[in-house]
């Protein structure tokens, strides 16, 4: 029995040693991973502007924000200055963001759950 407990202790020590190389805490390892997840709890603001090819603001464009988990879509019409803003956006879920007006559309941008910014600002350019 003594041999089994010694080899078990050595096995646990070896596993911890391997984990320290594979998941070093200084590079976001096991403890860093949990800290990153904790930072992404809560809400953020997603805001920005919609512009045309000449960087002129596009008023009245419809901006869409799609929740990639529930597939729900929120929308917002841009102001005279081409501005938009979505509040209370869940930071733990990835989203897609794009704008449309008169048959023209912007590229789709991703608002990643890995992004820890409480305010996500972006410029959407019409094609």
N, C-alpha and C. Protein backbone atom coordinates (compact mmCIF):
# COMPACT_ATOMS: atom_id res chain seq x y z
N UNK A 1 0.82 -1.19 0.00
CA UNK A 1 0.00 0.00 0.00
C UNK A 1 0.86 1.25 0.00
N UNK A 2 1.95 1.22 0.65
CA UNK A 2 2.81 2.38 0.73
C UNK A 2 3.30 2.79 -0.66
N UNK A 3 3.57 1.83 -1.51
CA UNK A 3 4.05 2.10 -2.86
C UNK A 3 2.97 2.80 -3.69
N UNK A 4 1.72 2.37 -3.51
CA UNK A 4 0.63 2.99 -4.26
C UNK A 4 0.45 4.45 -3.90
N UNK A 5 0.47 4.80 -2.62
CA UNK A 5 0.27 6.19 -2.21
C UNK A 5 1.44 7.06 -2.65
N UNK A 6 2.64 6.51 -2.65
CA UNK A 6 3.80 7.28 -3.10
C UNK A 6 3.70 7.55 -4.60
N UNK A 7 3.28 6.55 -5.39
CA UNK A 7 3.15 6.77 -6.83
C UNK A 7 1.99 7.70 -7.14
N UNK A 8 0.92 7.65 -6.33
CA UNK A 8 -0.20 8.56 -6.51
C UNK A 8 0.24 9.99 -6.25
N UNK A 9 1.00 10.19 -5.17
CA UNK A 9 1.50 11.53 -4.84
C UNK A 9 2.43 12.02 -5.94
N UNK A 10 3.28 11.16 -6.46
CA UNK A 10 4.18 11.54 -7.55
C UNK A 10 3.38 11.87 -8.80
N UNK A 11 2.32 11.14 -9.06
CA UNK A 11 1.47 11.40 -10.23
C UNK A 11 0.78 12.75 -10.15
N UNK A 12 0.29 13.09 -8.97
CA UNK A 12 -0.36 14.38 -8.76
C UNK A 12 0.66 15.51 -8.93
N UNK A 13 1.85 15.32 -8.35
CA UNK A 13 2.90 16.33 -8.49
C UNK A 13 3.29 16.51 -9.95
N UNK A 14 3.39 15.41 -10.68
CA UNK A 14 3.73 15.49 -12.11
C UNK A 14 2.64 16.23 -12.88
N UNK A 15 1.37 15.94 -12.59
CA UNK A 15 0.26 16.61 -13.28
C UNK A 15 0.29 18.11 -13.01
N UNK A 16 0.57 18.51 -11.78
CA UNK A 16 0.67 19.93 -11.47
C UNK A 16 1.84 20.59 -12.18
N UNK A 17 2.94 19.87 -12.26
CA UNK A 17 4.11 20.39 -12.97
C UNK A 17 3.79 20.59 -14.45
N UNK A 18 3.15 19.61 -15.07
CA UNK A 18 2.78 19.72 -16.48
C UNK A 18 1.81 20.88 -16.68
N UNK A 19 0.83 21.01 -15.80
CA UNK A 19 -0.16 22.09 -15.91
C UNK A 19 0.51 23.45 -15.81
N UNK A 20 1.57 23.57 -15.01
CA UNK A 20 2.24 24.86 -14.89
C UNK A 20 2.97 25.24 -16.18
N UNK A 21 3.38 24.25 -16.97
CA UNK A 21 4.01 24.53 -18.26
C UNK A 21 2.97 24.79 -19.34
N UNK A 22 1.89 24.04 -19.32
CA UNK A 22 0.86 24.16 -20.34
C UNK A 22 0.00 25.39 -20.11
N UNK A 23 -0.30 25.69 -18.86
CA UNK A 23 -1.17 26.82 -18.51
C UNK A 23 -0.47 27.77 -17.54
N UNK A 24 0.61 28.43 -17.93
CA UNK A 24 1.27 29.33 -16.98
C UNK A 24 0.35 30.51 -16.63
N UNK A 25 0.20 30.79 -15.37
CA UNK A 25 -0.69 31.85 -14.91
C UNK A 25 -0.29 33.20 -15.47
N UNK A 26 1.01 33.42 -15.69
CA UNK A 26 1.46 34.70 -16.20
C UNK A 26 1.00 34.95 -17.62
N UNK A 27 0.58 33.90 -18.34
CA UNK A 27 0.11 34.07 -19.72
C UNK A 27 -1.37 33.73 -19.82
N UNK A 28 -2.12 33.99 -18.77
CA UNK A 28 -3.56 33.76 -18.81
C UNK A 28 -3.95 32.32 -18.61
N UNK A 29 -3.11 31.53 -17.92
CA UNK A 29 -3.36 30.11 -17.71
C UNK A 29 -4.64 29.85 -16.97
N UNK A 30 -4.63 28.85 -16.13
CA UNK A 30 -5.87 28.42 -15.48
C UNK A 30 -6.49 29.58 -14.69
N UNK A 31 -5.71 30.26 -13.87
CA UNK A 31 -6.28 31.36 -13.10
C UNK A 31 -6.62 32.53 -13.99
N UNK A 32 -5.81 32.79 -15.02
CA UNK A 32 -6.07 33.88 -15.95
C UNK A 32 -7.35 33.65 -16.74
N UNK A 33 -7.63 32.40 -17.07
CA UNK A 33 -8.84 32.07 -17.83
C UNK A 33 -10.08 32.44 -17.04
N UNK A 34 -10.10 32.11 -15.76
CA UNK A 34 -11.25 32.43 -14.93
C UNK A 34 -11.38 33.94 -14.74
N UNK A 35 -10.25 34.63 -14.60
CA UNK A 35 -10.27 36.08 -14.46
C UNK A 35 -10.84 36.72 -15.72
N UNK A 36 -10.47 36.23 -16.90
CA UNK A 36 -10.97 36.79 -18.15
C UNK A 36 -12.48 36.58 -18.26
N UNK A 37 -12.96 35.41 -17.86
CA UNK A 37 -14.39 35.16 -17.92
C UNK A 37 -15.13 36.08 -16.96
N UNK A 38 -14.57 36.33 -15.80
CA UNK A 38 -15.21 37.19 -14.82
C UNK A 38 -15.30 38.62 -15.33
N UNK A 39 -14.30 39.08 -16.10
CA UNK A 39 -14.32 40.43 -16.64
C UNK A 39 -15.44 40.61 -17.66
N UNK A 40 -15.83 39.55 -18.35
CA UNK A 40 -16.82 39.65 -19.40
C UNK A 40 -18.25 39.48 -18.90
N UNK A 41 -18.44 39.45 -17.60
CA UNK A 41 -19.78 39.41 -17.07
C UNK A 41 -20.31 40.83 -17.04
N UNK A 42 -21.52 41.01 -17.46
CA UNK A 42 -22.11 42.34 -17.42
C UNK A 42 -22.52 42.83 -18.79
N UNK A 43 -22.72 44.13 -18.86
CA UNK A 43 -23.25 44.77 -20.05
C UNK A 43 -22.21 45.73 -20.64
N UNK A 44 -22.35 45.98 -21.94
CA UNK A 44 -21.50 46.95 -22.61
C UNK A 44 -22.37 47.83 -23.50
N UNK A 45 -21.77 48.90 -24.00
CA UNK A 45 -22.39 49.78 -24.98
C UNK A 45 -21.69 49.53 -26.31
N UNK A 46 -22.47 49.31 -27.36
CA UNK A 46 -21.92 49.18 -28.71
C UNK A 46 -22.39 50.41 -29.47
N UNK A 47 -21.44 51.22 -29.94
CA UNK A 47 -21.80 52.47 -30.61
C UNK A 47 -20.85 52.74 -31.75
N UNK A 48 -21.20 53.73 -32.53
CA UNK A 48 -20.32 54.09 -33.63
C UNK A 48 -21.02 54.93 -34.66
N UNK A 49 -20.51 54.85 -35.90
CA UNK A 49 -21.07 55.65 -36.99
C UNK A 49 -21.12 54.82 -38.26
N UNK A 50 -22.02 55.23 -39.14
CA UNK A 50 -22.13 54.65 -40.47
C UNK A 50 -21.74 55.74 -41.46
N UNK A 51 -20.81 55.41 -42.36
CA UNK A 51 -20.34 56.38 -43.34
C UNK A 51 -20.38 55.75 -44.74
N UNK A 52 -20.35 56.64 -45.77
CA UNK A 52 -20.33 56.14 -47.15
C UNK A 52 -18.87 55.99 -47.61
N UNK A 53 -18.69 55.74 -48.91
CA UNK A 53 -17.34 55.55 -49.47
C UNK A 53 -16.42 56.75 -49.27
N UNK A 54 -17.02 57.95 -49.15
CA UNK A 54 -16.24 59.18 -48.97
C UNK A 54 -16.16 59.62 -47.51
N UNK A 55 -16.50 58.72 -46.61
CA UNK A 55 -16.50 58.97 -45.16
C UNK A 55 -17.50 60.04 -44.73
N UNK A 56 -18.56 60.21 -45.53
CA UNK A 56 -19.65 61.13 -45.18
C UNK A 56 -20.66 60.34 -44.34
N UNK A 57 -21.10 60.91 -43.19
CA UNK A 57 -22.07 60.20 -42.35
C UNK A 57 -23.36 59.87 -43.11
N UNK A 58 -23.91 58.68 -42.85
CA UNK A 58 -25.15 58.23 -43.50
C UNK A 58 -26.28 58.31 -42.47
N UNK A 59 -27.16 59.28 -42.65
CA UNK A 59 -28.32 59.43 -41.77
C UNK A 59 -29.40 58.45 -42.21
N UNK A 60 -30.15 57.92 -41.25
CA UNK A 60 -31.28 57.06 -41.55
C UNK A 60 -30.94 55.64 -41.96
N UNK A 61 -29.70 55.24 -41.80
CA UNK A 61 -29.34 53.84 -42.08
C UNK A 61 -29.85 52.99 -40.91
N UNK A 62 -30.20 51.75 -41.21
CA UNK A 62 -30.62 50.84 -40.15
C UNK A 62 -29.42 49.99 -39.76
N UNK A 63 -29.08 50.04 -38.47
CA UNK A 63 -27.97 49.25 -37.93
C UNK A 63 -28.56 48.06 -37.19
N UNK A 64 -28.00 46.89 -37.46
CA UNK A 64 -28.50 45.66 -36.85
C UNK A 64 -27.44 45.09 -35.91
N UNK A 65 -27.90 44.58 -34.78
CA UNK A 65 -27.04 43.91 -33.80
C UNK A 65 -27.66 42.54 -33.53
N UNK A 66 -26.96 41.48 -33.97
CA UNK A 66 -27.50 40.12 -33.84
C UNK A 66 -26.79 39.37 -32.73
N UNK A 67 -27.56 38.86 -31.78
CA UNK A 67 -27.08 38.01 -30.70
C UNK A 67 -26.85 36.62 -31.30
N UNK A 68 -25.62 36.14 -31.30
CA UNK A 68 -25.31 34.88 -31.96
C UNK A 68 -25.72 33.65 -31.14
N UNK A 69 -26.13 33.85 -29.90
CA UNK A 69 -26.62 32.73 -29.09
C UNK A 69 -28.12 32.53 -29.30
N UNK A 70 -28.88 33.58 -29.10
CA UNK A 70 -30.34 33.47 -29.21
C UNK A 70 -30.85 33.79 -30.61
N UNK A 71 -29.98 34.35 -31.46
CA UNK A 71 -30.32 34.74 -32.84
C UNK A 71 -31.27 35.93 -32.91
N UNK A 72 -31.51 36.61 -31.79
CA UNK A 72 -32.37 37.80 -31.81
C UNK A 72 -31.59 38.96 -32.43
N UNK A 73 -32.33 39.85 -33.09
CA UNK A 73 -31.72 41.00 -33.76
C UNK A 73 -32.36 42.28 -33.23
N UNK A 74 -31.52 43.21 -32.84
CA UNK A 74 -31.98 44.55 -32.45
C UNK A 74 -31.62 45.49 -33.59
N UNK A 75 -32.36 46.60 -33.73
CA UNK A 75 -32.04 47.55 -34.78
C UNK A 75 -32.10 48.98 -34.26
N UNK A 76 -31.44 49.86 -35.00
CA UNK A 76 -31.35 51.27 -34.61
C UNK A 76 -31.19 52.08 -35.89
N UNK A 77 -31.92 53.19 -36.01
CA UNK A 77 -31.76 54.09 -37.15
C UNK A 77 -30.75 55.17 -36.80
N UNK A 78 -29.79 55.38 -37.68
CA UNK A 78 -28.73 56.35 -37.38
C UNK A 78 -29.28 57.78 -37.34
N UNK A 79 -28.60 58.62 -36.59
CA UNK A 79 -28.96 60.03 -36.45
C UNK A 79 -28.54 60.80 -37.70
N UNK A 80 -28.78 62.10 -37.70
CA UNK A 80 -28.36 62.97 -38.80
C UNK A 80 -26.84 62.89 -39.03
N UNK A 81 -26.11 62.62 -37.97
CA UNK A 81 -24.65 62.54 -38.05
C UNK A 81 -24.16 61.11 -38.27
N UNK A 82 -25.09 60.20 -38.58
CA UNK A 82 -24.73 58.82 -38.87
C UNK A 82 -24.38 57.99 -37.64
N UNK A 83 -24.73 58.46 -36.46
CA UNK A 83 -24.38 57.79 -35.21
C UNK A 83 -25.45 56.78 -34.79
N UNK A 84 -25.00 55.76 -34.07
CA UNK A 84 -25.90 54.76 -33.49
C UNK A 84 -25.35 54.31 -32.14
N UNK A 85 -26.23 53.71 -31.34
CA UNK A 85 -25.81 53.21 -30.02
C UNK A 85 -26.77 52.14 -29.53
N UNK A 86 -26.20 51.02 -29.08
CA UNK A 86 -26.96 49.96 -28.43
C UNK A 86 -26.46 49.87 -26.99
N UNK A 87 -27.37 49.90 -26.04
CA UNK A 87 -26.98 49.78 -24.63
C UNK A 87 -27.39 48.41 -24.11
N UNK A 88 -26.85 48.04 -22.99
CA UNK A 88 -27.14 46.77 -22.33
C UNK A 88 -26.92 45.58 -23.26
N UNK A 89 -25.74 45.54 -23.86
CA UNK A 89 -25.34 44.42 -24.72
C UNK A 89 -24.57 43.43 -23.86
N UNK A 90 -25.01 42.21 -23.81
CA UNK A 90 -24.40 41.18 -22.96
C UNK A 90 -22.96 40.90 -23.40
N UNK A 91 -22.00 41.09 -22.51
CA UNK A 91 -20.59 40.91 -22.83
C UNK A 91 -20.19 39.44 -22.96
N UNK A 92 -20.99 38.54 -22.44
CA UNK A 92 -20.64 37.11 -22.45
C UNK A 92 -21.07 36.42 -23.75
N UNK A 93 -21.68 37.17 -24.67
CA UNK A 93 -22.19 36.59 -25.91
C UNK A 93 -21.60 37.33 -27.10
N UNK A 94 -21.23 36.59 -28.15
CA UNK A 94 -20.76 37.19 -29.39
C UNK A 94 -21.95 37.80 -30.13
N UNK A 95 -21.67 38.91 -30.85
CA UNK A 95 -22.70 39.59 -31.64
C UNK A 95 -22.14 39.91 -33.03
N UNK A 96 -23.05 40.07 -33.98
CA UNK A 96 -22.68 40.58 -35.30
C UNK A 96 -23.35 41.93 -35.47
N UNK A 97 -22.65 42.83 -36.16
CA UNK A 97 -23.11 44.21 -36.32
C UNK A 97 -22.95 44.62 -37.78
N UNK A 98 -24.00 45.19 -38.38
CA UNK A 98 -23.91 45.69 -39.75
C UNK A 98 -25.01 46.74 -39.95
N UNK A 99 -24.90 47.47 -41.08
CA UNK A 99 -25.89 48.50 -41.40
C UNK A 99 -26.33 48.35 -42.85
N UNK A 100 -27.56 48.82 -43.11
CA UNK A 100 -28.12 48.78 -44.46
C UNK A 100 -28.90 50.05 -44.73
N UNK A 101 -28.89 50.47 -46.02
CA UNK A 101 -29.73 51.58 -46.46
C UNK A 101 -29.81 51.56 -47.98
N UNK A 102 -31.03 51.65 -48.51
CA UNK A 102 -31.27 51.71 -49.95
C UNK A 102 -30.53 50.61 -50.73
N UNK A 103 -30.58 49.39 -50.23
CA UNK A 103 -29.95 48.27 -50.92
C UNK A 103 -28.45 48.16 -50.73
N UNK A 104 -27.86 49.10 -50.05
CA UNK A 104 -26.42 49.05 -49.77
C UNK A 104 -26.22 48.52 -48.35
N UNK A 105 -25.10 47.85 -48.16
CA UNK A 105 -24.84 47.20 -46.87
C UNK A 105 -23.37 47.36 -46.50
N UNK A 106 -23.10 47.40 -45.22
CA UNK A 106 -21.73 47.43 -44.73
C UNK A 106 -21.24 46.00 -44.53
N UNK A 107 -19.95 45.86 -44.34
CA UNK A 107 -19.40 44.56 -43.94
C UNK A 107 -19.92 44.23 -42.54
N UNK A 108 -20.01 42.95 -42.24
CA UNK A 108 -20.44 42.51 -40.91
C UNK A 108 -19.23 42.53 -39.98
N UNK A 109 -19.39 43.18 -38.83
CA UNK A 109 -18.34 43.23 -37.81
C UNK A 109 -18.76 42.32 -36.65
N UNK A 110 -17.78 41.71 -36.01
CA UNK A 110 -18.05 40.87 -34.86
C UNK A 110 -17.72 41.62 -33.58
N UNK A 111 -18.64 41.57 -32.63
CA UNK A 111 -18.41 42.08 -31.29
C UNK A 111 -18.18 40.83 -30.44
N UNK A 112 -16.92 40.55 -30.14
CA UNK A 112 -16.55 39.29 -29.50
C UNK A 112 -16.74 39.32 -27.98
N UNK A 113 -17.15 38.18 -27.45
CA UNK A 113 -17.26 38.05 -26.00
C UNK A 113 -15.88 38.08 -25.34
N UNK A 114 -14.82 37.87 -26.12
CA UNK A 114 -13.45 37.93 -25.59
C UNK A 114 -12.96 39.37 -25.44
N UNK A 115 -13.65 40.31 -26.08
CA UNK A 115 -13.29 41.73 -25.99
C UNK A 115 -13.81 42.26 -24.66
N UNK A 116 -12.95 42.78 -23.82
CA UNK A 116 -13.34 43.19 -22.47
C UNK A 116 -13.74 44.66 -22.36
N UNK A 117 -13.77 45.37 -23.48
CA UNK A 117 -14.14 46.79 -23.42
C UNK A 117 -15.62 46.96 -23.04
N UNK A 118 -15.87 47.88 -22.13
CA UNK A 118 -17.25 48.19 -21.73
C UNK A 118 -17.93 49.07 -22.78
N UNK A 119 -17.12 49.79 -23.56
CA UNK A 119 -17.64 50.58 -24.68
C UNK A 119 -16.94 50.11 -25.95
N UNK A 120 -17.71 49.57 -26.86
CA UNK A 120 -17.18 49.06 -28.14
C UNK A 120 -17.60 50.06 -29.20
N UNK A 121 -16.63 50.75 -29.80
CA UNK A 121 -16.95 51.76 -30.82
C UNK A 121 -16.37 51.33 -32.16
N UNK A 122 -17.18 51.51 -33.21
CA UNK A 122 -16.78 51.04 -34.54
C UNK A 122 -17.35 51.96 -35.61
N UNK A 123 -16.64 52.02 -36.75
CA UNK A 123 -17.16 52.73 -37.92
C UNK A 123 -17.56 51.68 -38.95
N UNK A 124 -18.80 51.79 -39.44
CA UNK A 124 -19.30 50.88 -40.47
C UNK A 124 -19.34 51.65 -41.78
N UNK A 125 -18.67 51.11 -42.81
CA UNK A 125 -18.58 51.79 -44.10
C UNK A 125 -19.46 51.10 -45.13
N UNK A 126 -20.36 51.89 -45.76
CA UNK A 126 -21.25 51.37 -46.80
C UNK A 126 -20.46 51.02 -48.04
N UNK A 127 -20.84 49.93 -48.69
CA UNK A 127 -20.20 49.52 -49.94
C UNK A 127 -20.96 50.08 -51.12
